Amino acid sequence: QVQLVESGGGLVQAGGSLRLSCAASGRTASRYAMGMGWFRQAPGKEREFVAAISASGGNTYHVDSVKGRFTISRDNAKNTVYLQMNKLKPEDTAVYYCAARDRPLDLSTVRAHWDYWGQGTQVTVSS
């Protein structure tokens, strides 16, 4: 099993920045062969894909609504993936979830393709 723990959420004004972190543990050898991603879920809405990164960190993909504002990255030595969020908007308000999957290269946007999930961290952007 893989455990994922998110941190870094909070309340920020529109235009501000936050950096989310996701620490992975468990099943040590496979952590370096896992794709990682971030999803978010706003109240009353479905959980949606935000960004993903390949196991090596060489490939990333961001949903159009966050391109140019959010950046996903990872530090495999620290078993941690990050989501740097700049120029935040009120519509970015959601619970942000870290996810992992046993596919090192595929950057799937489909929720059902992801194998492991964190408990989520709340991000609230005030106008």
Foldseek 3Di string as FASTA:
>chain_A
DKAKAKDWADEEAAQAKIKMKIAIDDPLVQLLQKKKFKWWDDPPGDIWGAKIAASVRPDIDGPPVQPPFWDWGDDSVRRMIMIIGGRDDQVVWTWMKMFIANHRPDTDGDPVRTDDIYPTDTHGYHD
